[in-house]
Amino acid sequence: MKTNYLLLLCAIFLMSCNNQSTTEKSVSATTSKKTKKVSPESVFTNEQISNLEYQVEAFKIGSEKVVNAELKKYLNENLPELKELLSEYKSTAISNNIEINGISNENQESLYKLAIADTKGFDNVFIMYYKQFLGKTINEIAAHQIENEHFNALKNKYGNILYAHKLYFDVLK
């Protein structure tokens, strides 16, 4: 019986040692409040930069592996336009003091899948992944309301490019 009480006292002691003190709680609460507030333009810009980086890399992979000559020509013709828009987004982000995060994990995974895809039937795989990307990105871009003129102009330009790509790929297969 005495051992049970002794074990109970040890357990209570260990639990009390494990709890944070009130000063530790207040310090951790104040440090968590010091996180940066991220503007909607910052979030939106990083999403678009990630999407554009994905498109540029996907077009590079596609132009190397695609068998369909018409599709390969389309990818090569539209790649410079995407690179130019990507550099515009990055320069606008830098001029507005927005930290650029780079490509998202989701887009990296998709690029990896494209990169390791077998060349046999690659055209269909590329078209499938790119159509999924276009659908997702067009919905994302339509959902955002941006008040900054520069970002809004870039958003409209990017939206037009995405829509043109969607029309092409919907007709393709």
N, C-alpha and C. Protein backbone atom coordinates (compact mmCIF):
# COMPACT_ATOMS: atom_id res chain seq x y z
N MET A 1 0.81 -1.18 0.00
CA MET A 1 0.00 0.00 0.00
C MET A 1 0.86 1.26 0.00
N LYS A 2 1.93 1.23 0.81
CA LYS A 2 2.83 2.37 0.87
C LYS A 2 3.53 2.58 -0.48
N THR A 3 3.81 1.51 -1.19
CA THR A 3 4.46 1.65 -2.51
C THR A 3 3.53 2.32 -3.51
N ASN A 4 2.23 2.04 -3.40
CA ASN A 4 1.27 2.69 -4.31
C ASN A 4 1.25 4.19 -4.08
N TYR A 5 1.24 4.61 -2.79
CA TYR A 5 1.26 6.04 -2.48
C TYR A 5 2.57 6.67 -2.95
N LEU A 6 3.65 5.95 -2.78
CA LEU A 6 4.94 6.45 -3.21
C LEU A 6 4.98 6.62 -4.73
N LEU A 7 4.46 5.64 -5.46
CA LEU A 7 4.40 5.74 -6.92
C LEU A 7 3.49 6.88 -7.35
N LEU A 8 2.37 7.06 -6.66
CA LEU A 8 1.45 8.14 -6.97
C LEU A 8 2.11 9.49 -6.75
N LEU A 9 2.85 9.64 -5.66
CA LEU A 9 3.56 10.89 -5.40
C LEU A 9 4.63 11.16 -6.46
N CYS A 10 5.32 10.12 -6.88
CA CYS A 10 6.34 10.28 -7.93
C CYS A 10 5.71 10.70 -9.25
N ALA A 11 4.58 10.10 -9.57
CA ALA A 11 3.88 10.44 -10.81
C ALA A 11 3.42 11.88 -10.79
N ILE A 12 2.85 12.34 -9.67
CA ILE A 12 2.40 13.73 -9.55
C ILE A 12 3.58 14.68 -9.64
N PHE A 13 4.68 14.31 -9.01
CA PHE A 13 5.88 15.15 -9.07
C PHE A 13 6.39 15.27 -10.50
N LEU A 14 6.45 14.15 -11.22
CA LEU A 14 6.92 14.19 -12.61
C LEU A 14 5.98 15.01 -13.49
N MET A 15 4.68 14.89 -13.28
CA MET A 15 3.73 15.66 -14.07
C MET A 15 3.87 17.15 -13.79
N SER A 16 4.08 17.51 -12.55
CA SER A 16 4.22 18.93 -12.22
C SER A 16 5.52 19.50 -12.78
N CYS A 17 6.55 18.70 -12.84
CA CYS A 17 7.82 19.14 -13.43
C CYS A 17 7.69 19.32 -14.94
N ASN A 18 6.79 18.60 -15.54
CA ASN A 18 6.61 18.63 -16.97
C ASN A 18 5.80 19.84 -17.43
N ASN A 19 4.97 20.42 -16.57
CA ASN A 19 4.14 21.57 -16.94
C ASN A 19 5.00 22.81 -17.09
N GLN A 20 4.60 23.70 -18.02
CA GLN A 20 5.31 24.95 -18.20
C GLN A 20 4.95 25.90 -17.06
N SER A 21 5.90 26.68 -16.65
CA SER A 21 5.61 27.70 -15.65
C SER A 21 4.86 28.85 -16.31
N THR A 22 4.27 29.71 -15.51
CA THR A 22 3.51 30.82 -16.06
C THR A 22 4.40 31.78 -16.83
N THR A 23 5.63 31.96 -16.43
CA THR A 23 6.52 32.86 -17.16
C THR A 23 6.88 32.26 -18.51
N GLU A 24 7.08 30.94 -18.56
CA GLU A 24 7.36 30.29 -19.85
C GLU A 24 6.18 30.42 -20.79
N LYS A 25 4.96 30.29 -20.23
CA LYS A 25 3.76 30.41 -21.07
C LYS A 25 3.65 31.82 -21.63
N SER A 26 3.92 32.83 -20.83
CA SER A 26 3.78 34.21 -21.32
C SER A 26 4.86 34.53 -22.35
N VAL A 27 6.06 34.01 -22.16
CA VAL A 27 7.13 34.23 -23.13
C VAL A 27 6.78 33.56 -24.46
N SER A 28 6.30 32.31 -24.41
CA SER A 28 5.97 31.62 -25.65
C SER A 28 4.78 32.27 -26.34
N ALA A 29 3.85 32.84 -25.57
CA ALA A 29 2.71 33.52 -26.17
C ALA A 29 3.14 34.79 -26.87
N THR A 30 4.07 35.54 -26.27
CA THR A 30 4.51 36.78 -26.90
C THR A 30 5.38 36.52 -28.12
N THR A 31 6.16 35.47 -28.12
CA THR A 31 6.99 35.18 -29.29
C THR A 31 6.15 34.68 -30.45
N SER A 32 5.07 33.99 -30.17
CA SER A 32 4.23 33.53 -31.27
C SER A 32 3.43 34.67 -31.88
N LYS A 33 3.21 35.74 -31.12
CA LYS A 33 2.48 36.89 -31.65
C LYS A 33 3.35 37.76 -32.54
N LYS A 34 4.66 37.57 -32.50
CA LYS A 34 5.57 38.40 -33.28
C LYS A 34 5.76 37.91 -34.71
N THR A 35 4.98 36.95 -35.15
CA THR A 35 5.12 36.45 -36.51
C THR A 35 4.68 37.53 -37.48
N LYS A 36 5.24 37.49 -38.67
CA LYS A 36 4.94 38.48 -39.68
C LYS A 36 3.51 38.32 -40.17
N LYS A 37 2.88 39.45 -40.39
CA LYS A 37 1.59 39.42 -41.06
C LYS A 37 1.87 39.40 -42.55
N VAL A 38 1.28 38.44 -43.23
CA VAL A 38 1.53 38.29 -44.65
C VAL A 38 0.38 38.93 -45.41
N SER A 39 0.72 39.81 -46.34
CA SER A 39 -0.31 40.50 -47.11
C SER A 39 -0.90 39.56 -48.16
N PRO A 40 -2.13 39.82 -48.58
CA PRO A 40 -2.74 38.99 -49.62
C PRO A 40 -1.94 39.02 -50.93
N GLU A 41 -1.34 40.17 -51.22
CA GLU A 41 -0.52 40.27 -52.43
C GLU A 41 0.69 39.35 -52.35
N SER A 42 1.27 39.25 -51.15
CA SER A 42 2.43 38.40 -50.96
C SER A 42 2.09 36.93 -51.20
N VAL A 43 0.99 36.48 -50.60
CA VAL A 43 0.55 35.09 -50.76
C VAL A 43 0.24 34.81 -52.22
N PHE A 44 -0.53 35.71 -52.82
CA PHE A 44 -0.94 35.53 -54.22
C PHE A 44 0.27 35.53 -55.15
N THR A 45 1.18 36.46 -54.93
CA THR A 45 2.36 36.55 -55.78
C THR A 45 3.21 35.29 -55.69
N ASN A 46 3.41 34.78 -54.48
CA ASN A 46 4.19 33.55 -54.33
C ASN A 46 3.51 32.36 -54.98
N GLU A 47 2.18 32.30 -54.91
CA GLU A 47 1.45 31.23 -55.60
C GLU A 47 1.68 31.32 -57.11
N GLN A 48 1.59 32.53 -57.63
CA GLN A 48 1.74 32.70 -59.08
C GLN A 48 3.17 32.45 -59.54
N ILE A 49 4.14 32.87 -58.74
CA ILE A 49 5.54 32.60 -59.08
C ILE A 49 5.79 31.10 -59.08
N SER A 50 5.26 30.41 -58.10
CA SER A 50 5.39 28.95 -58.04
C SER A 50 4.75 28.30 -59.27
N ASN A 51 3.57 28.77 -59.63
CA ASN A 51 2.88 28.21 -60.80
C ASN A 51 3.64 28.49 -62.09
N LEU A 52 4.17 29.70 -62.21
CA LEU A 52 4.94 30.03 -63.41
C LEU A 52 6.24 29.23 -63.49
N GLU A 53 6.91 29.05 -62.35
CA GLU A 53 8.12 28.23 -62.34
C GLU A 53 7.78 26.80 -62.76
N TYR A 54 6.65 26.30 -62.28
CA TYR A 54 6.20 24.96 -62.69
C TYR A 54 5.99 24.92 -64.21
N GLN A 55 5.28 25.92 -64.74
CA GLN A 55 5.00 25.92 -66.17
C GLN A 55 6.28 25.98 -67.00
N VAL A 56 7.20 26.83 -66.60
CA VAL A 56 8.46 26.95 -67.35
C VAL A 56 9.19 25.61 -67.36
N GLU A 57 9.31 24.99 -66.20
CA GLU A 57 10.01 23.71 -66.13
C GLU A 57 9.24 22.60 -66.85
N ALA A 58 7.91 22.61 -66.73
CA ALA A 58 7.10 21.60 -67.42
C ALA A 58 7.22 21.75 -68.93
N PHE A 59 7.25 22.98 -69.41
CA PHE A 59 7.41 23.21 -70.84
C PHE A 59 8.79 22.76 -71.32
N LYS A 60 9.81 22.97 -70.50
CA LYS A 60 11.16 22.51 -70.86
C LYS A 60 11.19 20.98 -70.96
N ILE A 61 10.63 20.32 -69.94
CA ILE A 61 10.59 18.85 -69.94
C ILE A 61 9.77 18.36 -71.13
N GLY A 62 8.62 19.01 -71.33
CA GLY A 62 7.74 18.61 -72.43
C GLY A 62 8.39 18.78 -73.79
N SER A 63 9.09 19.88 -73.99
CA SER A 63 9.72 20.11 -75.29
C SER A 63 10.82 19.09 -75.58
N GLU A 64 11.40 18.51 -74.53
CA GLU A 64 12.41 17.48 -74.73
C GLU A 64 11.81 16.11 -74.99
N LYS A 65 10.69 15.79 -74.30
CA LYS A 65 10.17 14.42 -74.33
C LYS A 65 8.96 14.21 -75.25
N VAL A 66 8.24 15.27 -75.58
CA VAL A 66 7.02 15.13 -76.37
C VAL A 66 7.36 14.66 -77.78
N VAL A 67 6.52 13.75 -78.29
CA VAL A 67 6.72 13.21 -79.64
C VAL A 67 5.94 14.02 -80.67
N ASN A 68 4.75 14.46 -80.32
CA ASN A 68 3.88 15.22 -81.21
C ASN A 68 4.58 16.52 -81.63
N ALA A 69 4.84 16.67 -82.91
CA ALA A 69 5.59 17.82 -83.41
C ALA A 69 4.83 19.13 -83.19
N GLU A 70 3.52 19.10 -83.35
CA GLU A 70 2.71 20.31 -83.16
C GLU A 70 2.75 20.77 -81.70
N LEU A 71 2.64 19.82 -80.78
CA LEU A 71 2.69 20.14 -79.36
C LEU A 71 4.08 20.65 -78.97
N LYS A 72 5.12 20.02 -79.50
CA LYS A 72 6.49 20.45 -79.22
C LYS A 72 6.71 21.88 -79.70
N LYS A 73 6.19 22.20 -80.87
CA LYS A 73 6.30 23.55 -81.41
C LYS A 73 5.57 24.55 -80.53
N TYR A 74 4.37 24.18 -80.07
CA TYR A 74 3.58 25.04 -79.20
C TYR A 74 4.33 25.33 -77.89
N LEU A 75 4.90 24.30 -77.30
CA LEU A 75 5.64 24.46 -76.05
C LEU A 75 6.84 25.39 -76.24
N ASN A 76 7.58 25.17 -77.32
CA ASN A 76 8.77 26.01 -77.57
C ASN A 76 8.40 27.45 -77.88
N GLU A 77 7.26 27.67 -78.55
CA GLU A 77 6.85 29.03 -78.89
C GLU A 77 6.35 29.79 -77.67
N ASN A 78 5.73 29.11 -76.72
CA ASN A 78 5.14 29.78 -75.57
C ASN A 78 6.06 29.85 -74.35
N LEU A 79 7.15 29.14 -74.37
CA LEU A 79 8.09 29.17 -73.25
C LEU A 79 8.67 30.57 -72.98
N PRO A 80 9.10 31.33 -74.00
CA PRO A 80 9.64 32.67 -73.71
C PRO A 80 8.62 33.60 -73.06
N GLU A 81 7.36 33.49 -73.45
CA GLU A 81 6.31 34.33 -72.86
C GLU A 81 6.15 34.03 -71.36
N LEU A 82 6.23 32.75 -71.00
CA LEU A 82 6.12 32.37 -69.58
C LEU A 82 7.34 32.84 -68.80
N LYS A 83 8.53 32.72 -69.40
CA LYS A 83 9.74 33.20 -68.73
C LYS A 83 9.68 34.70 -68.49
N GLU A 84 9.18 35.43 -69.47
CA GLU A 84 9.07 36.88 -69.35
C GLU A 84 8.09 37.26 -68.23
N LEU A 85 6.94 36.58 -68.19
CA LEU A 85 5.96 36.87 -67.15
C LEU A 85 6.51 36.50 -65.77
N LEU A 86 7.25 35.42 -65.69
CA LEU A 86 7.87 35.03 -64.42
C LEU A 86 8.83 36.11 -63.94
N SER A 87 9.65 36.63 -64.83
CA SER A 87 10.59 37.69 -64.43
C SER A 87 9.84 38.97 -64.05
N GLU A 88 8.71 39.26 -64.71
CA GLU A 88 7.90 40.42 -64.32
C GLU A 88 7.34 40.25 -62.92
N TYR A 89 6.82 39.06 -62.63
CA TYR A 89 6.29 38.79 -61.29
C TYR A 89 7.39 38.94 -60.24
N LYS A 90 8.55 38.37 -60.52
CA LYS A 90 9.65 38.45 -59.54
C LYS A 90 10.12 39.88 -59.32
N SER A 91 10.25 40.66 -60.40
CA SER A 91 10.70 42.05 -60.24
C SER A 91 9.66 42.89 -59.52
N THR A 92 8.38 42.63 -59.78
CA THR A 92 7.32 43.35 -59.06
C THR A 92 7.32 42.96 -57.59
N ALA A 93 7.54 41.70 -57.31
CA ALA A 93 7.60 41.24 -55.91
C ALA A 93 8.77 41.89 -55.19
N ILE A 94 9.91 41.93 -55.83
CA ILE A 94 11.09 42.54 -55.22
C ILE A 94 10.88 44.03 -54.98
N SER A 95 10.28 44.72 -55.96
CA SER A 95 10.05 46.16 -55.80
C SER A 95 9.02 46.46 -54.71
N ASN A 96 8.18 45.49 -54.38
CA ASN A 96 7.19 45.66 -53.32
C ASN A 96 7.62 44.99 -52.01
N ASN A 97 8.89 44.66 -51.91
CA ASN A 97 9.47 44.05 -50.70
C ASN A 97 8.76 42.77 -50.28
N ILE A 98 8.44 41.94 -51.26
CA ILE A 98 7.80 40.65 -50.99
C ILE A 98 8.87 39.57 -51.08
N GLU A 99 8.93 38.75 -50.04
CA GLU A 99 9.89 37.66 -50.02
C GLU A 99 9.40 36.55 -50.96
N ILE A 100 10.25 36.11 -51.86
CA ILE A 100 9.88 35.08 -52.84
C ILE A 100 10.24 33.71 -52.27
N ASN A 101 9.23 32.83 -52.23
CA ASN A 101 9.42 31.51 -51.64
C ASN A 101 9.85 30.45 -52.64
N GLY A 102 9.60 30.62 -53.89
CA GLY A 102 9.96 29.61 -54.88
C GLY A 102 8.82 28.65 -55.16
N ILE A 103 9.14 27.54 -55.76
CA ILE A 103 8.14 26.58 -56.21
C ILE A 103 7.58 25.78 -55.03
N SER A 104 6.28 25.52 -55.07
CA SER A 104 5.62 24.80 -53.98
C SER A 104 5.95 23.30 -54.05
N ASN A 105 5.74 22.62 -52.94
CA ASN A 105 5.99 21.18 -52.90
C ASN A 105 5.08 20.42 -53.86
N GLU A 106 3.83 20.85 -53.95
CA GLU A 106 2.89 20.20 -54.86
C GLU A 106 3.37 20.30 -56.31
N ASN A 107 3.82 21.48 -56.70
CA ASN A 107 4.32 21.66 -58.07
C ASN A 107 5.63 20.90 -58.29
N GLN A 108 6.47 20.82 -57.26
CA GLN A 108 7.72 20.06 -57.39
C GLN A 108 7.43 18.58 -57.60
N GLU A 109 6.44 18.06 -56.88
CA GLU A 109 6.08 16.65 -57.03
C GLU A 109 5.56 16.38 -58.44
N SER A 110 4.76 17.28 -58.94
CA SER A 110 4.23 17.12 -60.30
C SER A 110 5.34 17.17 -61.34
N LEU A 111 6.29 18.08 -61.14
CA LEU A 111 7.44 18.15 -62.06
C LEU A 111 8.27 16.88 -62.00
N TYR A 112 8.44 16.35 -60.80
CA TYR A 112 9.20 15.12 -60.64
C TYR A 112 8.52 13.98 -61.41
N LYS A 113 7.20 13.91 -61.30
CA LYS A 113 6.46 12.87 -62.02
C LYS A 113 6.63 13.02 -63.52
N LEU A 114 6.63 14.25 -63.99
CA LEU A 114 6.85 14.48 -65.43
C LEU A 114 8.27 14.09 -65.83
N ALA A 115 9.22 14.44 -64.99
CA ALA A 115 10.62 14.17 -65.32
C ALA A 115 10.92 12.68 -65.38
N ILE A 116 10.29 11.88 -64.53
CA ILE A 116 10.58 10.44 -64.52
C ILE A 116 9.63 9.65 -65.41
N ALA A 117 8.64 10.32 -65.99
CA ALA A 117 7.68 9.61 -66.84
C ALA A 117 8.39 9.00 -68.04
N ASP A 118 7.92 7.84 -68.43
CA ASP A 118 8.48 7.13 -69.57
C ASP A 118 8.17 7.90 -70.85
N THR A 119 9.10 7.89 -71.80
CA THR A 119 8.89 8.60 -73.05
C THR A 119 7.77 7.97 -73.88
N LYS A 120 7.54 6.68 -73.67
CA LYS A 120 6.44 6.03 -74.38
C LYS A 120 5.13 6.49 -73.75
N GLY A 121 4.30 7.16 -74.51
CA GLY A 121 3.04 7.68 -74.01
C GLY A 121 3.18 8.96 -73.22
N PHE A 122 4.34 9.61 -73.31
CA PHE A 122 4.58 10.83 -72.53
C PHE A 122 3.62 11.94 -72.93
N ASP A 123 3.27 12.02 -74.21
CA ASP A 123 2.38 13.08 -74.67
C ASP A 123 1.08 13.08 -73.86
N ASN A 124 0.49 11.92 -73.69
CA ASN A 124 -0.77 11.83 -72.94
C ASN A 124 -0.59 12.17 -71.47
N VAL A 125 0.52 11.73 -70.90
CA VAL A 125 0.81 12.04 -69.49
C VAL A 125 0.99 13.54 -69.32
N PHE A 126 1.75 14.15 -70.22
CA PHE A 126 1.98 15.59 -70.14
C PHE A 126 0.67 16.35 -70.25
N ILE A 127 -0.15 15.99 -71.22
CA ILE A 127 -1.43 16.67 -71.43
C ILE A 127 -2.32 16.52 -70.20
N MET A 128 -2.35 15.32 -69.62
CA MET A 128 -3.18 15.08 -68.44
C MET A 128 -2.74 15.96 -67.27
N TYR A 129 -1.44 15.95 -66.96
CA TYR A 129 -0.93 16.75 -65.85
C TYR A 129 -1.13 18.24 -66.11
N TYR A 130 -0.90 18.66 -67.33
CA TYR A 130 -1.01 20.09 -67.62
C TYR A 130 -2.46 20.56 -67.58
N LYS A 131 -3.39 19.74 -68.02
CA LYS A 131 -4.81 20.10 -67.92
C LYS A 131 -5.24 20.22 -66.46
N GLN A 132 -4.77 19.31 -65.62
CA GLN A 132 -5.07 19.39 -64.19
C GLN A 132 -4.52 20.68 -63.60
N PHE A 133 -3.29 20.99 -63.97
CA PHE A 133 -2.65 22.21 -63.49
C PHE A 133 -3.43 23.44 -63.95
N LEU A 134 -3.83 23.47 -65.20
CA LEU A 134 -4.57 24.62 -65.72
C LEU A 134 -5.89 24.82 -64.99
N GLY A 135 -6.62 23.74 -64.77
CA GLY A 135 -7.89 23.85 -64.06
C GLY A 135 -7.72 24.41 -62.67
N LYS A 136 -6.72 23.88 -61.95
CA LYS A 136 -6.45 24.34 -60.58
C LYS A 136 -6.02 25.80 -60.57
N THR A 137 -5.14 26.17 -61.46
CA THR A 137 -4.57 27.51 -61.47
C THR A 137 -5.59 28.55 -61.91
N ILE A 138 -6.41 28.22 -62.88
CA ILE A 138 -7.44 29.17 -63.32
C ILE A 138 -8.43 29.43 -62.19
N ASN A 139 -8.80 28.38 -61.45
CA ASN A 139 -9.69 28.58 -60.30
C ASN A 139 -9.04 29.43 -59.22
N GLU A 140 -7.76 29.20 -58.95
CA GLU A 140 -7.05 29.99 -57.94
C GLU A 140 -6.97 31.46 -58.33
N ILE A 141 -6.64 31.71 -59.58
CA ILE A 141 -6.46 33.08 -60.03
C ILE A 141 -7.80 33.83 -60.05
N ALA A 142 -8.88 33.13 -60.34
CA ALA A 142 -10.20 33.76 -60.37
C ALA A 142 -10.70 34.06 -58.96
N ALA A 143 -10.24 33.31 -57.98
CA ALA A 143 -10.72 33.48 -56.60
C ALA A 143 -10.09 34.67 -55.89
N HIS A 144 -8.97 35.16 -56.39
CA HIS A 144 -8.26 36.26 -55.71
C HIS A 144 -8.71 37.62 -56.22
N GLN A 145 -8.89 38.53 -55.28
CA GLN A 145 -9.16 39.93 -55.59
C GLN A 145 -7.95 40.73 -55.12
N ILE A 146 -7.28 41.36 -56.05
CA ILE A 146 -6.08 42.12 -55.73
C ILE A 146 -6.33 43.60 -56.01
N GLU A 147 -5.97 44.46 -55.07
CA GLU A 147 -6.21 45.89 -55.22
C GLU A 147 -5.01 46.62 -55.82
N ASN A 148 -3.83 46.06 -55.68
CA ASN A 148 -2.62 46.68 -56.21
C ASN A 148 -2.67 46.64 -57.74
N GLU A 149 -2.47 47.80 -58.38
CA GLU A 149 -2.57 47.91 -59.84
C GLU A 149 -1.59 47.00 -60.57
N HIS A 150 -0.34 46.98 -60.11
CA HIS A 150 0.68 46.19 -60.79
C HIS A 150 0.36 44.71 -60.72
N PHE A 151 -0.01 44.25 -59.53
CA PHE A 151 -0.34 42.84 -59.36
C PHE A 151 -1.61 42.47 -60.12
N ASN A 152 -2.55 43.40 -60.16
CA ASN A 152 -3.79 43.14 -60.88
C ASN A 152 -3.53 43.02 -62.39
N ALA A 153 -2.66 43.87 -62.91
CA ALA A 153 -2.30 43.80 -64.33
C ALA A 153 -1.60 42.48 -64.65
N LEU A 154 -0.69 42.06 -63.76
CA LEU A 154 0.00 40.78 -63.95
C LEU A 154 -0.99 39.62 -63.85
N LYS A 155 -1.92 39.72 -62.91
CA LYS A 155 -2.94 38.68 -62.75
C LYS A 155 -3.75 38.54 -64.02
N ASN A 156 -4.17 39.67 -64.60
CA ASN A 156 -4.97 39.63 -65.83
C ASN A 156 -4.16 39.06 -67.00
N LYS A 157 -2.91 39.46 -67.09
CA LYS A 157 -2.05 38.95 -68.16
C LYS A 157 -1.87 37.43 -68.03
N TYR A 158 -1.61 36.99 -66.80
CA TYR A 158 -1.42 35.56 -66.55
C TYR A 158 -2.71 34.79 -66.80
N GLY A 159 -3.83 35.36 -66.39
CA GLY A 159 -5.13 34.73 -66.64
C GLY A 159 -5.39 34.55 -68.13
N ASN A 160 -5.03 35.54 -68.93
CA ASN A 160 -5.21 35.44 -70.38
C ASN A 160 -4.34 34.33 -70.98
N ILE A 161 -3.11 34.23 -70.49
CA ILE A 161 -2.21 33.18 -70.96
C ILE A 161 -2.76 31.80 -70.58
N LEU A 162 -3.20 31.66 -69.34
CA LEU A 162 -3.76 30.38 -68.90
C LEU A 162 -4.98 29.99 -69.71
N TYR A 163 -5.83 30.96 -69.96
CA TYR A 163 -7.04 30.67 -70.74
C TYR A 163 -6.69 30.24 -72.16
N ALA A 164 -5.72 30.90 -72.78
CA ALA A 164 -5.28 30.52 -74.13
C ALA A 164 -4.71 29.10 -74.13
N HIS A 165 -3.94 28.76 -73.10
CA HIS A 165 -3.39 27.40 -73.00
C HIS A 165 -4.52 26.38 -72.82
N LYS A 166 -5.50 26.74 -71.99
CA LYS A 166 -6.63 25.83 -71.76
C LYS A 166 -7.37 25.56 -73.06
N LEU A 167 -7.60 26.59 -73.84
CA LEU A 167 -8.28 26.41 -75.13
C LEU A 167 -7.48 25.49 -76.04
N TYR A 168 -6.17 25.70 -76.09
CA TYR A 168 -5.32 24.87 -76.94
C TYR A 168 -5.35 23.41 -76.49
N PHE A 169 -5.18 23.18 -75.21
CA PHE A 169 -5.12 21.80 -74.71
C PHE A 169 -6.48 21.11 -74.72
N ASP A 170 -7.56 21.86 -74.60
CA ASP A 170 -8.89 21.25 -74.71
C ASP A 170 -9.15 20.78 -76.14
N VAL A 171 -8.66 21.49 -77.11
CA VAL A 171 -8.84 21.11 -78.51
C VAL A 171 -7.88 20.00 -78.89
N LEU A 172 -6.70 19.99 -78.27
CA LEU A 172 -5.66 19.02 -78.63
C LEU A 172 -6.12 17.60 -78.41
N LYS A 173 -6.63 17.27 -77.24
CA LYS A 173 -7.14 15.91 -76.98
C LYS A 173 -8.16 15.93 -75.90
